[in-house]
């Protein structure tokens, strides 16, 4: 593939890449930047592209990896180092522990609603809430993983329907 063909192929992917960038960033200002970074990396890595392979997959992978690397970089930049004595500000709880009567009633209501479910839905949902992974729940209960996922999904839907008064 010549450089002209390579560049033409890259440019023909622009609308699809822009949509993908929007889906990753969810930000109209950062998406074009991600697209530009992707184009730059693709052009600089032209020698690593193997002719007669899927250029679309190659460029989309570059964009996804660029997004992930940028995200990790931003997370690292947002780490706050507290140099105060005894890490006073970091260790201060943001929640003062006050439980309003409404919130404790909500927890009781949610618990009662979960308990009212049939065991085939309640047991996988409780295990999920306790931190078990889908695969672990499936193995423990002797179910297929898809069955576990759908039961948890339907349980969530049922809880949202029954407890719709508690939505904010």
Protein backbone atom coordinates (compact mmCIF):
# COMPACT_ATOMS: atom_id res chain seq x y z
CA UNK A 1 0.00 0.00 0.00
CA UNK A 2 1.45 3.35 -0.99
CA UNK A 3 1.51 6.34 1.30
CA UNK A 4 -1.24 7.98 -0.75
CA UNK A 5 -3.48 4.92 -0.42
CA UNK A 6 -2.72 4.70 3.29
CA UNK A 7 -3.59 8.37 3.83
CA UNK A 8 -6.76 8.05 1.73
CA UNK A 9 -7.83 5.04 3.78
CA UNK A 10 -7.23 6.95 7.00
CA UNK A 11 -9.24 9.94 5.82
CA UNK A 12 -12.13 7.74 4.67
CA UNK A 13 -12.47 6.47 8.25
CA UNK A 14 -12.89 9.94 9.74
CA UNK A 15 -16.70 9.86 10.29
CA UNK A 16 -16.56 6.43 11.92
CA UNK A 17 -13.55 7.37 14.02
CA UNK A 18 -15.26 10.56 15.15
CA UNK A 19 -18.33 8.60 16.26
CA UNK A 20 -16.10 6.16 18.11
CA UNK A 21 -14.20 9.03 19.75
CA UNK A 22 -17.53 10.54 20.87
CA UNK A 23 -18.61 7.20 22.33
CA UNK A 24 -15.36 6.93 24.27
CA UNK A 25 -15.07 10.50 25.54
CA UNK A 26 -18.72 11.59 25.70
CA UNK A 27 -17.35 15.08 25.19
CA UNK A 28 -17.64 17.15 22.01
CA UNK A 29 -14.44 19.04 22.81
CA UNK A 30 -12.21 16.06 23.65
CA UNK A 31 -13.39 13.81 20.81
CA UNK A 32 -11.64 15.82 18.04
CA UNK A 33 -8.47 15.85 20.14
CA UNK A 34 -8.62 12.08 20.45
CA UNK A 35 -9.15 11.80 16.70
CA UNK A 36 -6.15 14.03 16.05
CA UNK A 37 -3.97 12.01 18.45
CA UNK A 38 -5.08 8.82 16.72
CA UNK A 39 -4.23 10.18 13.27
CA UNK A 40 -0.84 11.34 14.51
CA UNK A 41 -0.01 7.94 16.03
CA UNK A 42 -1.26 6.09 12.95
CA UNK A 43 0.89 8.24 10.65
CA UNK A 44 3.94 7.91 12.87
CA UNK A 45 3.45 4.13 13.06
CA UNK A 46 2.85 3.70 9.34
CA UNK A 47 5.86 1.39 9.11
CA UNK A 48 4.23 -1.00 11.62
CA UNK A 49 1.11 -1.42 9.50
CA UNK A 50 1.10 -4.67 7.54
CA UNK A 51 -0.21 -4.32 4.00
CA UNK A 52 -3.45 -6.10 3.12
CA UNK A 53 -4.65 -6.23 6.72
CA UNK A 54 -7.66 -4.49 8.20
CA UNK A 55 -6.67 -0.82 8.49
CA UNK A 56 -9.99 0.03 10.13
CA UNK A 57 -9.37 -2.40 13.01
CA UNK A 58 -5.79 -1.19 13.31
CA UNK A 59 -6.78 2.49 13.60
CA UNK A 60 -9.69 1.78 15.96
CA UNK A 61 -7.30 -0.14 18.22
CA UNK A 62 -4.91 2.82 18.20
CA UNK A 63 -7.79 5.12 19.21
CA UNK A 64 -8.98 2.83 21.98
CA UNK A 65 -5.47 2.44 23.39
CA UNK A 66 -4.85 6.18 23.16
CA UNK A 67 -8.07 6.86 25.05
CA UNK A 68 -7.16 4.34 27.77
CA UNK A 69 -3.65 5.77 28.15
CA UNK A 70 -4.98 9.33 28.33
CA UNK A 71 -7.56 8.26 30.92
CA UNK A 72 -4.92 6.59 33.08
CA UNK A 73 -2.71 9.66 32.79
CA UNK A 74 -5.57 11.95 33.91
CA UNK A 75 -6.34 9.70 36.87
CA UNK A 76 -2.72 9.83 37.98
CA UNK A 77 -2.68 13.61 37.64
CA UNK A 78 -5.74 13.93 39.90
CA UNK A 79 -4.12 12.16 42.85
CA UNK A 80 -3.90 14.59 45.74
CA UNK A 81 -0.99 14.26 48.10
CA UNK A 82 -1.81 15.53 51.57
CA UNK A 83 1.33 16.78 53.33
CA UNK A 84 -0.48 17.82 56.50
CA UNK A 85 0.37 16.19 59.78
CA UNK A 86 -1.36 12.82 60.25
CA UNK A 87 -3.06 13.11 56.85
CA UNK A 88 -5.85 15.03 58.58
CA UNK A 89 -7.81 16.09 55.50
CA UNK A 90 -7.66 12.79 53.65
CA UNK A 91 -8.65 10.73 56.67
CA UNK A 92 -11.58 12.93 57.58
CA UNK A 93 -14.79 11.11 56.68
CA UNK A 94 -16.95 12.92 54.18
CA UNK A 95 -20.05 11.35 55.72
CA UNK A 96 -20.60 12.31 59.34
CA UNK A 97 -22.55 9.12 60.00
CA UNK A 98 -25.96 10.73 60.38
CA UNK A 99 -28.72 8.50 59.09
CA UNK A 100 -31.97 10.24 58.41
CA UNK A 101 -35.21 8.42 59.24
CA UNK A 102 -36.09 8.40 55.54
CA UNK A 103 -32.87 6.67 54.52
CA UNK A 104 -33.14 3.98 57.19
CA UNK A 105 -36.72 3.37 56.15
CA UNK A 106 -35.55 3.07 52.56
CA UNK A 107 -33.01 0.41 53.50
CA UNK A 108 -35.67 -1.54 55.39
CA UNK A 109 -38.07 -1.22 52.47
CA UNK A 110 -35.42 -2.38 50.00
CA UNK A 111 -34.55 -5.35 52.23
CA UNK A 112 -38.22 -6.34 52.50
CA UNK A 113 -38.64 -6.06 48.74
CA UNK A 114 -35.60 -8.26 48.12
CA UNK A 115 -36.86 -10.80 50.64
CA UNK A 116 -40.24 -10.94 48.88
CA UNK A 117 -38.59 -12.17 45.67
CA UNK A 118 -38.63 -15.82 44.66
CA UNK A 119 -35.47 -17.70 45.65
CA UNK A 120 -34.41 -18.21 42.03
CA UNK A 121 -33.99 -14.41 41.76
CA UNK A 122 -33.17 -13.53 45.38
CA UNK A 123 -30.24 -15.91 45.87
CA UNK A 124 -28.17 -14.84 42.81
CA UNK A 125 -28.94 -11.18 43.54
CA UNK A 126 -27.83 -11.48 47.19
CA UNK A 127 -24.65 -13.22 46.11
CA UNK A 128 -24.02 -10.45 43.58
CA UNK A 129 -24.52 -7.82 46.28
CA UNK A 130 -22.10 -9.72 48.50
CA UNK A 131 -19.40 -9.27 45.85
CA UNK A 132 -19.47 -12.60 44.01
CA UNK A 133 -18.64 -12.47 40.33
CA UNK A 134 -21.13 -13.82 37.75
CA UNK A 135 -18.95 -16.88 37.11
CA UNK A 136 -18.70 -17.66 40.82
CA UNK A 137 -22.47 -17.38 41.25
CA UNK A 138 -23.05 -19.61 38.23
CA UNK A 139 -20.64 -22.26 39.53
CA UNK A 140 -22.07 -22.13 43.05
CA UNK A 141 -25.69 -22.44 41.92
CA UNK A 142 -25.05 -24.78 39.00
CA UNK A 143 -26.48 -22.33 36.46
CA UNK A 144 -25.26 -20.98 33.16
CA UNK A 145 -23.61 -17.57 33.38
CA UNK A 146 -26.21 -16.07 31.02
CA UNK A 147 -28.99 -17.25 33.34
CA UNK A 148 -27.27 -15.60 36.30
CA UNK A 149 -26.83 -12.33 34.42
CA UNK A 150 -30.45 -12.26 33.29
CA UNK A 151 -31.79 -13.07 36.76
CA UNK A 152 -29.74 -10.27 38.29
CA UNK A 153 -30.88 -7.93 35.53
CA UNK A 154 -34.55 -8.83 36.01
CA UNK A 155 -34.17 -8.47 39.78
CA UNK A 156 -32.78 -4.95 39.33
CA UNK A 157 -35.63 -4.09 36.98
CA UNK A 158 -38.17 -5.44 39.47
CA UNK A 159 -36.62 -3.48 42.35
CA UNK A 160 -36.62 -0.26 40.31
CA UNK A 161 -40.26 -0.82 39.44
CA UNK A 162 -41.38 -1.58 42.99
CA UNK A 163 -39.20 1.10 44.62
CA UNK A 164 -39.73 3.85 42.04
CA UNK A 165 -40.83 6.23 44.83
CA UNK A 166 -37.24 6.24 46.13
CA UNK A 167 -35.67 7.55 42.94
CA UNK A 168 -34.15 10.97 43.32
